[in-house]
Amino acid sequence: MNWIEQLKTKIGRLILQRNLPKAKQQVHAIPHFSDLHEVGIIYNANSKENEEQINQIAHFLREQGKKVWMMGYVDAKTLPANKKFHISSEYFWKEKLSFFNLPEPSKIGNFITHKFDLVLNLYLESELPLQALSTYCQSAYSMGAQLPNGLSYNDSIIDIGSDKNIQNLAAQMVHYLKVINQK
């Protein structure tokens, strides 16, 4: 990333911090896994391997009776031809970002207006577009990986130690949602 892009991202991060929605500044109760019905997944869609892992996680959640919507970020000026929209899977890319690398809500689609019980932020890098999308979402609760300033964008964060992969992150999230607030 060149210095101009770094500066734009830094300013974008300051704008996001200043305008954090009030809902993200409040403390939310941790839901139990069985109480979740509608789950949103935000992820980095740059690699095929990553997308395959996300699809496996979404499949697992659907088997558990959850309705799952996915939103992937592609770090490209245009959407690559191999990325296809589905009824429960969308993408956003650089064209959908503001000058300061923040997602433009009017260009994102229904994902940010949908009311989720839980948003899982399944990415392992501090990318501003992904973190910003998480704050824009209408979710009762959101979880993500332990990243710098991660708690600003999530209700809780998970430290996955040295095993840094999406499957492990998702497994830890589901585990904690099942053991906290047991019924």
N, C-alpha and C. Protein backbone atom coordinates (compact mmCIF):
# COMPACT_ATOMS: atom_id res chain seq x y z
N MET A 1 0.85 -1.17 0.00
CA MET A 1 0.00 0.00 0.00
C MET A 1 0.90 1.24 0.00
N ASN A 2 0.70 2.12 -0.96
CA ASN A 2 1.53 3.31 -1.02
C ASN A 2 1.13 4.31 0.07
N TRP A 3 1.93 5.33 0.24
CA TRP A 3 1.71 6.25 1.36
C TRP A 3 0.41 7.04 1.22
N ILE A 4 -0.04 7.29 0.00
CA ILE A 4 -1.32 8.00 -0.19
C ILE A 4 -2.47 7.13 0.30
N GLU A 5 -2.45 5.85 -0.08
CA GLU A 5 -3.49 4.92 0.39
C GLU A 5 -3.44 4.76 1.90
N GLN A 6 -2.24 4.71 2.47
CA GLN A 6 -2.11 4.61 3.92
C GLN A 6 -2.71 5.83 4.61
N LEU A 7 -2.47 7.01 4.06
CA LEU A 7 -3.02 8.24 4.62
C LEU A 7 -4.54 8.25 4.51
N LYS A 8 -5.07 7.86 3.36
CA LYS A 8 -6.52 7.80 3.18
C LYS A 8 -7.15 6.83 4.17
N THR A 9 -6.51 5.68 4.37
CA THR A 9 -7.03 4.69 5.31
C THR A 9 -6.96 5.21 6.74
N LYS A 10 -5.88 5.88 7.09
CA LYS A 10 -5.76 6.44 8.44
C LYS A 10 -6.85 7.48 8.70
N ILE A 11 -7.10 8.35 7.73
CA ILE A 11 -8.17 9.34 7.87
C ILE A 11 -9.53 8.64 7.94
N GLY A 12 -9.72 7.61 7.11
CA GLY A 12 -10.96 6.84 7.14
C GLY A 12 -11.20 6.21 8.50
N ARG A 13 -10.13 5.68 9.10
CA ARG A 13 -10.26 5.07 10.43
C ARG A 13 -10.65 6.12 11.47
N LEU A 14 -10.08 7.32 11.38
CA LEU A 14 -10.45 8.41 12.30
C LEU A 14 -11.91 8.81 12.11
N ILE A 15 -12.35 8.90 10.88
CA ILE A 15 -13.76 9.22 10.60
C ILE A 15 -14.67 8.15 11.18
N LEU A 16 -14.31 6.89 10.99
CA LEU A 16 -15.12 5.79 11.50
C LEU A 16 -15.18 5.84 13.03
N GLN A 17 -14.05 6.04 13.69
CA GLN A 17 -14.02 6.11 15.15
C GLN A 17 -14.92 7.24 15.66
N ARG A 18 -14.86 8.38 14.98
CA ARG A 18 -15.64 9.53 15.42
C ARG A 18 -17.13 9.30 15.22
N ASN A 19 -17.48 8.55 14.21
CA ASN A 19 -18.89 8.34 13.87
C ASN A 19 -19.41 6.96 14.23
N LEU A 20 -18.75 6.28 15.16
CA LEU A 20 -19.23 4.95 15.55
C LEU A 20 -20.70 5.04 15.94
N PRO A 21 -21.53 4.17 15.39
CA PRO A 21 -22.94 4.20 15.76
C PRO A 21 -23.13 4.00 17.26
N LYS A 22 -24.14 4.66 17.80
CA LYS A 22 -24.43 4.56 19.24
C LYS A 22 -24.63 3.11 19.65
N ALA A 23 -25.23 2.32 18.78
CA ALA A 23 -25.48 0.91 19.10
C ALA A 23 -24.18 0.16 19.37
N LYS A 24 -23.10 0.53 18.69
CA LYS A 24 -21.82 -0.15 18.89
C LYS A 24 -21.13 0.32 20.16
N GLN A 25 -21.57 1.44 20.72
CA GLN A 25 -20.94 1.97 21.93
C GLN A 25 -21.62 1.43 23.19
N GLN A 26 -22.74 0.74 23.04
CA GLN A 26 -23.46 0.19 24.18
C GLN A 26 -22.99 -1.23 24.45
N VAL A 27 -23.17 -1.67 25.69
CA VAL A 27 -22.82 -3.04 26.06
C VAL A 27 -24.02 -3.92 25.75
N HIS A 28 -23.78 -5.00 25.02
CA HIS A 28 -24.84 -5.94 24.67
C HIS A 28 -24.63 -7.25 25.41
N ALA A 29 -25.73 -7.89 25.79
CA ALA A 29 -25.65 -9.19 26.44
C ALA A 29 -25.20 -10.24 25.42
N ILE A 30 -24.37 -11.16 25.86
CA ILE A 30 -23.90 -12.23 24.97
C ILE A 30 -25.04 -13.22 24.77
N PRO A 31 -25.43 -13.46 23.53
CA PRO A 31 -26.53 -14.40 23.29
C PRO A 31 -26.05 -15.84 23.39
N HIS A 32 -26.98 -16.73 23.67
CA HIS A 32 -26.65 -18.16 23.62
C HIS A 32 -26.84 -18.63 22.18
N PHE A 33 -26.07 -19.60 21.78
CA PHE A 33 -26.09 -20.10 20.41
C PHE A 33 -27.50 -20.52 19.98
N SER A 34 -28.25 -21.14 20.88
CA SER A 34 -29.58 -21.63 20.52
C SER A 34 -30.58 -20.49 20.29
N ASP A 35 -30.29 -19.29 20.80
CA ASP A 35 -31.19 -18.15 20.62
C ASP A 35 -30.96 -17.41 19.30
N LEU A 36 -29.93 -17.78 18.59
CA LEU A 36 -29.60 -17.09 17.34
C LEU A 36 -30.40 -17.67 16.18
N HIS A 37 -30.98 -16.79 15.39
CA HIS A 37 -31.73 -17.23 14.22
C HIS A 37 -31.12 -16.69 12.92
N GLU A 38 -30.73 -15.43 12.93
CA GLU A 38 -30.21 -14.78 11.72
C GLU A 38 -28.76 -14.36 11.96
N VAL A 39 -27.86 -14.93 11.16
CA VAL A 39 -26.42 -14.70 11.34
C VAL A 39 -25.84 -14.10 10.07
N GLY A 40 -25.08 -13.03 10.24
CA GLY A 40 -24.35 -12.43 9.13
C GLY A 40 -22.87 -12.76 9.27
N ILE A 41 -22.22 -13.02 8.16
CA ILE A 41 -20.78 -13.30 8.15
C ILE A 41 -20.10 -12.28 7.25
N ILE A 42 -19.11 -11.59 7.80
CA ILE A 42 -18.29 -10.66 7.04
C ILE A 42 -16.91 -11.29 6.90
N TYR A 43 -16.38 -11.31 5.69
CA TYR A 43 -15.11 -12.00 5.48
C TYR A 43 -14.32 -11.38 4.33
N ASN A 44 -13.04 -11.74 4.27
CA ASN A 44 -12.15 -11.32 3.19
C ASN A 44 -12.29 -12.34 2.07
N ALA A 45 -12.77 -11.91 0.91
CA ALA A 45 -13.04 -12.82 -0.21
C ALA A 45 -11.95 -12.81 -1.26
N ASN A 46 -10.73 -12.47 -0.88
CA ASN A 46 -9.65 -12.39 -1.87
C ASN A 46 -9.11 -13.74 -2.29
N SER A 47 -9.23 -14.75 -1.42
CA SER A 47 -8.66 -16.06 -1.79
C SER A 47 -9.75 -17.12 -1.87
N LYS A 48 -9.55 -18.05 -2.79
CA LYS A 48 -10.50 -19.15 -2.97
C LYS A 48 -10.54 -20.03 -1.72
N GLU A 49 -9.39 -20.25 -1.11
CA GLU A 49 -9.32 -21.08 0.10
C GLU A 49 -10.16 -20.46 1.22
N ASN A 50 -10.04 -19.16 1.38
CA ASN A 50 -10.80 -18.45 2.40
C ASN A 50 -12.30 -18.59 2.15
N GLU A 51 -12.72 -18.43 0.90
CA GLU A 51 -14.14 -18.54 0.56
C GLU A 51 -14.66 -19.95 0.81
N GLU A 52 -13.85 -20.96 0.51
CA GLU A 52 -14.27 -22.34 0.77
C GLU A 52 -14.48 -22.56 2.26
N GLN A 53 -13.59 -22.04 3.08
CA GLN A 53 -13.74 -22.17 4.54
C GLN A 53 -15.00 -21.46 5.02
N ILE A 54 -15.25 -20.28 4.50
CA ILE A 54 -16.45 -19.52 4.89
C ILE A 54 -17.71 -20.29 4.49
N ASN A 55 -17.71 -20.87 3.29
CA ASN A 55 -18.87 -21.65 2.85
C ASN A 55 -19.10 -22.86 3.75
N GLN A 56 -18.02 -23.50 4.22
CA GLN A 56 -18.17 -24.63 5.14
C GLN A 56 -18.78 -24.17 6.46
N ILE A 57 -18.33 -23.02 6.95
CA ILE A 57 -18.86 -22.48 8.20
C ILE A 57 -20.34 -22.14 8.04
N ALA A 58 -20.68 -21.50 6.93
CA ALA A 58 -22.08 -21.15 6.66
C ALA A 58 -22.93 -22.41 6.57
N HIS A 59 -22.41 -23.45 5.92
CA HIS A 59 -23.13 -24.72 5.81
C HIS A 59 -23.38 -25.31 7.19
N PHE A 60 -22.36 -25.30 8.05
CA PHE A 60 -22.51 -25.81 9.42
C PHE A 60 -23.61 -25.03 10.16
N LEU A 61 -23.58 -23.72 10.06
CA LEU A 61 -24.58 -22.90 10.76
C LEU A 61 -25.99 -23.18 10.24
N ARG A 62 -26.11 -23.37 8.93
CA ARG A 62 -27.42 -23.68 8.36
C ARG A 62 -27.91 -25.04 8.84
N GLU A 63 -27.00 -25.99 8.99
CA GLU A 63 -27.38 -27.30 9.54
C GLU A 63 -27.89 -27.17 10.96
N GLN A 64 -27.45 -26.15 11.68
CA GLN A 64 -27.89 -25.90 13.05
C GLN A 64 -29.19 -25.10 13.09
N GLY A 65 -29.78 -24.85 11.93
CA GLY A 65 -31.05 -24.15 11.85
C GLY A 65 -30.95 -22.63 11.78
N LYS A 66 -29.77 -22.12 11.50
CA LYS A 66 -29.58 -20.67 11.41
C LYS A 66 -29.75 -20.21 9.96
N LYS A 67 -30.31 -19.01 9.80
CA LYS A 67 -30.33 -18.37 8.48
C LYS A 67 -29.05 -17.57 8.37
N VAL A 68 -28.30 -17.79 7.31
CA VAL A 68 -26.97 -17.19 7.19
C VAL A 68 -26.88 -16.33 5.93
N TRP A 69 -26.37 -15.11 6.10
CA TRP A 69 -26.05 -14.22 4.99
C TRP A 69 -24.57 -13.92 5.06
N MET A 70 -23.93 -13.82 3.89
CA MET A 70 -22.49 -13.59 3.85
C MET A 70 -22.19 -12.35 3.01
N MET A 71 -21.18 -11.59 3.45
CA MET A 71 -20.71 -10.42 2.71
C MET A 71 -19.20 -10.49 2.65
N GLY A 72 -18.66 -10.64 1.45
CA GLY A 72 -17.22 -10.73 1.27
C GLY A 72 -16.65 -9.47 0.66
N TYR A 73 -15.47 -9.09 1.13
CA TYR A 73 -14.77 -7.93 0.58
C TYR A 73 -13.68 -8.40 -0.38
N VAL A 74 -13.69 -7.85 -1.59
CA VAL A 74 -12.68 -8.15 -2.59
C VAL A 74 -11.84 -6.90 -2.78
N ASP A 75 -10.54 -7.02 -2.54
CA ASP A 75 -9.63 -5.88 -2.65
C ASP A 75 -9.22 -5.69 -4.11
N ALA A 76 -10.19 -5.25 -4.92
CA ALA A 76 -9.95 -5.03 -6.35
C ALA A 76 -10.85 -3.88 -6.81
N LYS A 77 -10.46 -3.24 -7.91
CA LYS A 77 -11.25 -2.11 -8.41
C LYS A 77 -12.59 -2.54 -8.96
N THR A 78 -12.65 -3.73 -9.55
CA THR A 78 -13.90 -4.28 -10.05
C THR A 78 -14.06 -5.70 -9.51
N LEU A 79 -15.28 -6.18 -9.52
CA LEU A 79 -15.54 -7.53 -9.03
C LEU A 79 -15.05 -8.55 -10.06
N PRO A 80 -14.15 -9.46 -9.65
CA PRO A 80 -13.66 -10.48 -10.59
C PRO A 80 -14.80 -11.36 -11.11
N ALA A 81 -14.64 -11.87 -12.31
CA ALA A 81 -15.68 -12.66 -12.96
C ALA A 81 -16.00 -13.95 -12.20
N ASN A 82 -15.06 -14.46 -11.41
CA ASN A 82 -15.30 -15.71 -10.69
C ASN A 82 -16.13 -15.51 -9.42
N LYS A 83 -16.45 -14.28 -9.06
CA LYS A 83 -17.28 -14.00 -7.88
C LYS A 83 -18.72 -13.82 -8.32
N LYS A 84 -19.60 -14.65 -7.81
CA LYS A 84 -21.01 -14.61 -8.20
C LYS A 84 -21.88 -14.30 -6.98
N PHE A 85 -22.84 -13.42 -7.18
CA PHE A 85 -23.81 -13.12 -6.14
C PHE A 85 -24.80 -14.27 -6.03
N HIS A 86 -25.18 -14.59 -4.80
CA HIS A 86 -26.21 -15.59 -4.54
C HIS A 86 -27.27 -14.94 -3.66
N ILE A 87 -28.35 -15.62 -3.43
CA ILE A 87 -29.44 -15.04 -2.65
C ILE A 87 -28.99 -14.69 -1.23
N SER A 88 -28.02 -15.43 -0.69
CA SER A 88 -27.57 -15.15 0.68
C SER A 88 -26.08 -14.80 0.73
N SER A 89 -25.52 -14.42 -0.41
CA SER A 89 -24.10 -14.11 -0.45
C SER A 89 -23.87 -12.91 -1.37
N GLU A 90 -23.22 -11.89 -0.83
CA GLU A 90 -22.94 -10.68 -1.59
C GLU A 90 -21.46 -10.33 -1.47
N TYR A 91 -21.03 -9.38 -2.29
CA TYR A 91 -19.66 -8.89 -2.26
C TYR A 91 -19.66 -7.37 -2.32
N PHE A 92 -18.57 -6.80 -1.83
CA PHE A 92 -18.30 -5.39 -2.10
C PHE A 92 -16.82 -5.26 -2.39
N TRP A 93 -16.47 -4.23 -3.16
CA TRP A 93 -15.11 -4.06 -3.63
C TRP A 93 -14.79 -2.57 -3.64
N LYS A 94 -13.59 -2.22 -4.09
CA LYS A 94 -13.11 -0.84 -3.98
C LYS A 94 -14.05 0.19 -4.60
N GLU A 95 -14.72 -0.17 -5.66
CA GLU A 95 -15.65 0.74 -6.31
C GLU A 95 -16.79 1.15 -5.36
N LYS A 96 -17.06 0.33 -4.37
CA LYS A 96 -18.14 0.59 -3.42
C LYS A 96 -17.66 1.33 -2.17
N LEU A 97 -16.41 1.79 -2.20
CA LEU A 97 -15.82 2.49 -1.05
C LEU A 97 -15.75 3.98 -1.32
N SER A 98 -15.74 4.75 -0.24
CA SER A 98 -15.55 6.19 -0.35
C SER A 98 -14.08 6.49 -0.60
N PHE A 99 -13.76 7.76 -0.76
CA PHE A 99 -12.38 8.19 -0.98
C PHE A 99 -11.47 7.73 0.16
N PHE A 100 -12.03 7.65 1.38
CA PHE A 100 -11.25 7.27 2.56
C PHE A 100 -11.39 5.78 2.89
N ASN A 101 -11.71 4.96 1.90
CA ASN A 101 -11.76 3.50 2.03
C ASN A 101 -12.82 2.99 3.00
N LEU A 102 -13.89 3.74 3.17
CA LEU A 102 -15.03 3.31 3.98
C LEU A 102 -16.14 2.85 3.04
N PRO A 103 -16.84 1.76 3.37
CA PRO A 103 -17.96 1.32 2.52
C PRO A 103 -19.03 2.41 2.45
N GLU A 104 -19.57 2.63 1.27
CA GLU A 104 -20.67 3.57 1.09
C GLU A 104 -21.96 2.78 1.28
N PRO A 105 -22.70 3.03 2.37
CA PRO A 105 -23.91 2.24 2.65
C PRO A 105 -24.89 2.16 1.49
N SER A 106 -25.03 3.23 0.73
CA SER A 106 -25.98 3.22 -0.39
C SER A 106 -25.55 2.29 -1.52
N LYS A 107 -24.28 1.89 -1.53
CA LYS A 107 -23.77 1.01 -2.59
C LYS A 107 -23.60 -0.44 -2.15
N ILE A 108 -23.84 -0.71 -0.88
CA ILE A 108 -23.55 -2.04 -0.34
C ILE A 108 -24.69 -3.03 -0.55
N GLY A 109 -25.91 -2.61 -0.47
CA GLY A 109 -27.01 -3.54 -0.63
C GLY A 109 -27.73 -3.77 0.68
N ASN A 110 -28.43 -4.90 0.76
CA ASN A 110 -29.31 -5.18 1.90
C ASN A 110 -28.58 -5.66 3.15
N PHE A 111 -27.33 -6.03 3.02
CA PHE A 111 -26.63 -6.63 4.15
C PHE A 111 -26.60 -5.69 5.36
N ILE A 112 -26.35 -4.41 5.15
CA ILE A 112 -26.23 -3.51 6.31
C ILE A 112 -27.57 -3.09 6.88
N THR A 113 -28.66 -3.29 6.15
CA THR A 113 -29.97 -2.92 6.68
C THR A 113 -30.69 -4.12 7.31
N HIS A 114 -30.18 -5.32 7.07
CA HIS A 114 -30.80 -6.52 7.64
C HIS A 114 -30.53 -6.57 9.15
N LYS A 115 -31.50 -6.96 9.93
CA LYS A 115 -31.34 -7.05 11.38
C LYS A 115 -30.88 -8.47 11.74
N PHE A 116 -29.61 -8.57 12.12
CA PHE A 116 -29.02 -9.86 12.49
C PHE A 116 -29.05 -10.05 13.99
N ASP A 117 -29.18 -11.30 14.42
CA ASP A 117 -28.99 -11.63 15.83
C ASP A 117 -27.50 -11.61 16.15
N LEU A 118 -26.69 -11.98 15.17
CA LEU A 118 -25.24 -12.07 15.36
C LEU A 118 -24.53 -11.79 14.05
N VAL A 119 -23.46 -11.02 14.13
CA VAL A 119 -22.55 -10.86 12.99
C VAL A 119 -21.21 -11.45 13.40
N LEU A 120 -20.73 -12.40 12.59
CA LEU A 120 -19.42 -13.00 12.79
C LEU A 120 -18.44 -12.33 11.84
N ASN A 121 -17.46 -11.67 12.38
CA ASN A 121 -16.42 -11.03 11.57
C ASN A 121 -15.28 -12.03 11.41
N LEU A 122 -15.33 -12.78 10.33
CA LEU A 122 -14.38 -13.88 10.12
C LEU A 122 -13.25 -13.45 9.21
N TYR A 123 -12.43 -12.56 9.73
CA TYR A 123 -11.22 -12.13 9.03
C TYR A 123 -10.13 -11.95 10.07
N LEU A 124 -8.88 -12.08 9.62
CA LEU A 124 -7.75 -12.07 10.54
C LEU A 124 -6.81 -10.90 10.29
N GLU A 125 -7.26 -9.92 9.54
CA GLU A 125 -6.43 -8.76 9.24
C GLU A 125 -7.23 -7.48 9.52
N SER A 126 -6.53 -6.43 9.89
CA SER A 126 -7.18 -5.15 10.22
C SER A 126 -7.43 -4.36 8.94
N GLU A 127 -8.38 -4.79 8.15
CA GLU A 127 -8.72 -4.06 6.93
C GLU A 127 -9.90 -3.14 7.22
N LEU A 128 -9.70 -1.86 6.98
CA LEU A 128 -10.72 -0.86 7.29
C LEU A 128 -12.07 -1.15 6.65
N PRO A 129 -12.17 -1.52 5.37
CA PRO A 129 -13.50 -1.78 4.81
C PRO A 129 -14.27 -2.87 5.55
N LEU A 130 -13.58 -3.92 5.98
CA LEU A 130 -14.24 -5.00 6.72
C LEU A 130 -14.69 -4.53 8.10
N GLN A 131 -13.81 -3.82 8.80
CA GLN A 131 -14.15 -3.35 10.14
C GLN A 131 -15.27 -2.31 10.09
N ALA A 132 -15.24 -1.45 9.08
CA ALA A 132 -16.29 -0.44 8.95
C ALA A 132 -17.63 -1.10 8.66
N LEU A 133 -17.65 -2.09 7.78
CA LEU A 133 -18.90 -2.78 7.48
C LEU A 133 -19.50 -3.38 8.74
N SER A 134 -18.65 -3.92 9.59
CA SER A 134 -19.13 -4.49 10.85
C SER A 134 -19.85 -3.44 11.70
N THR A 135 -19.33 -2.23 11.73
CA THR A 135 -19.97 -1.19 12.54
C THR A 135 -21.26 -0.70 11.91
N TYR A 136 -21.37 -0.79 10.59
CA TYR A 136 -22.58 -0.33 9.91
C TYR A 136 -23.73 -1.32 10.03
N CYS A 137 -23.43 -2.58 10.31
CA CYS A 137 -24.46 -3.63 10.35
C CYS A 137 -25.42 -3.43 11.52
N GLN A 138 -26.65 -3.86 11.30
CA GLN A 138 -27.69 -3.81 12.32
C GLN A 138 -27.70 -5.17 13.03
N SER A 139 -26.83 -5.32 14.01
CA SER A 139 -26.77 -6.61 14.69
C SER A 139 -26.97 -6.43 16.19
N ALA A 140 -27.61 -7.43 16.78
CA ALA A 140 -27.78 -7.42 18.23
C ALA A 140 -26.44 -7.69 18.92
N TYR A 141 -25.55 -8.42 18.24
CA TYR A 141 -24.26 -8.77 18.82
C TYR A 141 -23.28 -9.05 17.69
N SER A 142 -22.02 -8.71 17.89
CA SER A 142 -21.00 -9.00 16.88
C SER A 142 -19.73 -9.51 17.55
N MET A 143 -19.07 -10.43 16.86
CA MET A 143 -17.84 -11.03 17.36
C MET A 143 -16.79 -10.99 16.27
N GLY A 144 -15.52 -10.89 16.69
CA GLY A 144 -14.43 -10.89 15.72
C GLY A 144 -13.15 -11.39 16.36
N ALA A 145 -12.11 -11.47 15.55
CA ALA A 145 -10.80 -11.89 16.04
C ALA A 145 -10.15 -10.75 16.80
N GLN A 146 -9.22 -11.11 17.68
CA GLN A 146 -8.48 -10.09 18.41
C GLN A 146 -7.52 -9.41 17.44
N LEU A 147 -7.84 -8.19 17.11
CA LEU A 147 -7.03 -7.36 16.20
C LEU A 147 -6.82 -6.01 16.87
N PRO A 148 -5.85 -5.23 16.42
CA PRO A 148 -5.70 -3.89 16.99
C PRO A 148 -7.01 -3.10 16.87
N ASN A 149 -7.46 -2.54 17.96
CA ASN A 149 -8.72 -1.79 18.03
C ASN A 149 -9.95 -2.63 17.70
N GLY A 150 -9.84 -3.94 17.76
CA GLY A 150 -10.94 -4.83 17.40
C GLY A 150 -12.17 -4.65 18.25
N LEU A 151 -11.99 -4.31 19.51
CA LEU A 151 -13.13 -4.15 20.40
C LEU A 151 -13.95 -2.92 20.04
N SER A 152 -13.37 -1.98 19.33
CA SER A 152 -14.13 -0.81 18.88
C SER A 152 -15.19 -1.21 17.86
N TYR A 153 -14.95 -2.30 17.13
CA TYR A 153 -15.84 -2.70 16.05
C TYR A 153 -16.66 -3.94 16.37
N ASN A 154 -16.46 -4.53 17.53
CA ASN A 154 -17.15 -5.76 17.92
C ASN A 154 -17.61 -5.65 19.37
N ASP A 155 -18.61 -6.47 19.71
CA ASP A 155 -19.03 -6.56 21.11
C ASP A 155 -18.08 -7.44 21.90
N SER A 156 -17.50 -8.43 21.26
CA SER A 156 -16.48 -9.25 21.91
C SER A 156 -15.47 -9.71 20.86
N ILE A 157 -14.26 -9.99 21.35
CA ILE A 157 -13.20 -10.46 20.46
C ILE A 157 -12.64 -11.77 20.99
N ILE A 158 -12.15 -12.58 20.09
CA ILE A 158 -11.64 -13.90 20.42
C ILE A 158 -10.14 -13.96 20.09
N ASP A 159 -9.35 -14.37 21.07
CA ASP A 159 -7.92 -14.59 20.84
C ASP A 159 -7.75 -16.05 20.44
N ILE A 160 -7.30 -16.29 19.22
CA ILE A 160 -7.16 -17.67 18.75
C ILE A 160 -5.73 -18.16 18.83
N GLY A 161 -4.88 -17.41 19.50
CA GLY A 161 -3.50 -17.84 19.72
C GLY A 161 -2.71 -17.94 18.43
N SER A 162 -1.89 -18.97 18.35
CA SER A 162 -1.00 -19.11 17.19
C SER A 162 -1.67 -19.82 16.01
N ASP A 163 -2.82 -20.46 16.25
CA ASP A 163 -3.53 -21.18 15.18
C ASP A 163 -4.42 -20.20 14.42
N LYS A 164 -3.81 -19.35 13.63
CA LYS A 164 -4.53 -18.27 12.97
C LYS A 164 -5.14 -18.74 11.65
N ASN A 165 -6.36 -19.26 11.75
CA ASN A 165 -7.11 -19.59 10.54
C ASN A 165 -8.60 -19.38 10.81
N ILE A 166 -9.34 -19.23 9.74
CA ILE A 166 -10.76 -18.89 9.82
C ILE A 166 -11.56 -20.00 10.51
N GLN A 167 -11.25 -21.25 10.20
CA GLN A 167 -11.98 -22.37 10.81
C GLN A 167 -11.84 -22.36 12.33
N ASN A 168 -10.63 -22.13 12.80
CA ASN A 168 -10.39 -22.09 14.24
C ASN A 168 -11.13 -20.91 14.87
N LEU A 169 -11.09 -19.76 14.23
CA LEU A 169 -11.80 -18.58 14.75
C LEU A 169 -13.30 -18.87 14.87
N ALA A 170 -13.90 -19.41 13.82
CA ALA A 170 -15.33 -19.71 13.84
C ALA A 170 -15.66 -20.76 14.90
N ALA A 171 -14.82 -21.78 15.02
CA ALA A 171 -15.05 -22.83 16.02
C ALA A 171 -15.01 -22.24 17.44
N GLN A 172 -14.06 -21.34 17.69
CA GLN A 172 -13.97 -20.70 19.01
C GLN A 172 -15.20 -19.84 19.28
N MET A 173 -15.67 -19.12 18.28
CA MET A 173 -16.85 -18.28 18.45
C MET A 173 -18.07 -19.13 18.81
N VAL A 174 -18.29 -20.19 18.05
CA VAL A 174 -19.43 -21.07 18.31
C VAL A 174 -19.30 -21.70 19.70
N HIS A 175 -18.10 -22.14 20.05
CA HIS A 175 -17.88 -22.73 21.37
C HIS A 175 -18.28 -21.77 22.48
N TYR A 176 -17.80 -20.53 22.42
CA TYR A 176 -18.11 -19.56 23.47
C TYR A 176 -19.59 -19.21 23.50
N LEU A 177 -20.23 -19.14 22.35
CA LEU A 177 -21.66 -18.85 22.32
C LEU A 177 -22.48 -19.99 22.92
N LYS A 178 -21.95 -21.21 22.86
CA LYS A 178 -22.66 -22.36 23.44
C LYS A 178 -22.45 -22.47 24.94
N VAL A 179 -21.26 -22.10 25.44
CA VAL A 179 -20.99 -22.29 26.87
C VAL A 179 -21.36 -21.09 27.73
N ILE A 180 -21.39 -19.90 27.14
CA ILE A 180 -21.79 -18.71 27.90
C ILE A 180 -23.31 -18.62 27.88
N ASN A 181 -23.89 -18.29 29.01
CA ASN A 181 -25.35 -18.19 29.15
C ASN A 181 -26.03 -19.51 28.86
N GLN A 182 -25.48 -20.60 29.39
CA GLN A 182 -26.09 -21.91 29.15
C GLN A 182 -27.49 -21.94 29.72
N LYS A 183 -28.34 -22.67 29.02
CA LYS A 183 -29.74 -22.79 29.45
C LYS A 183 -29.95 -24.07 30.20
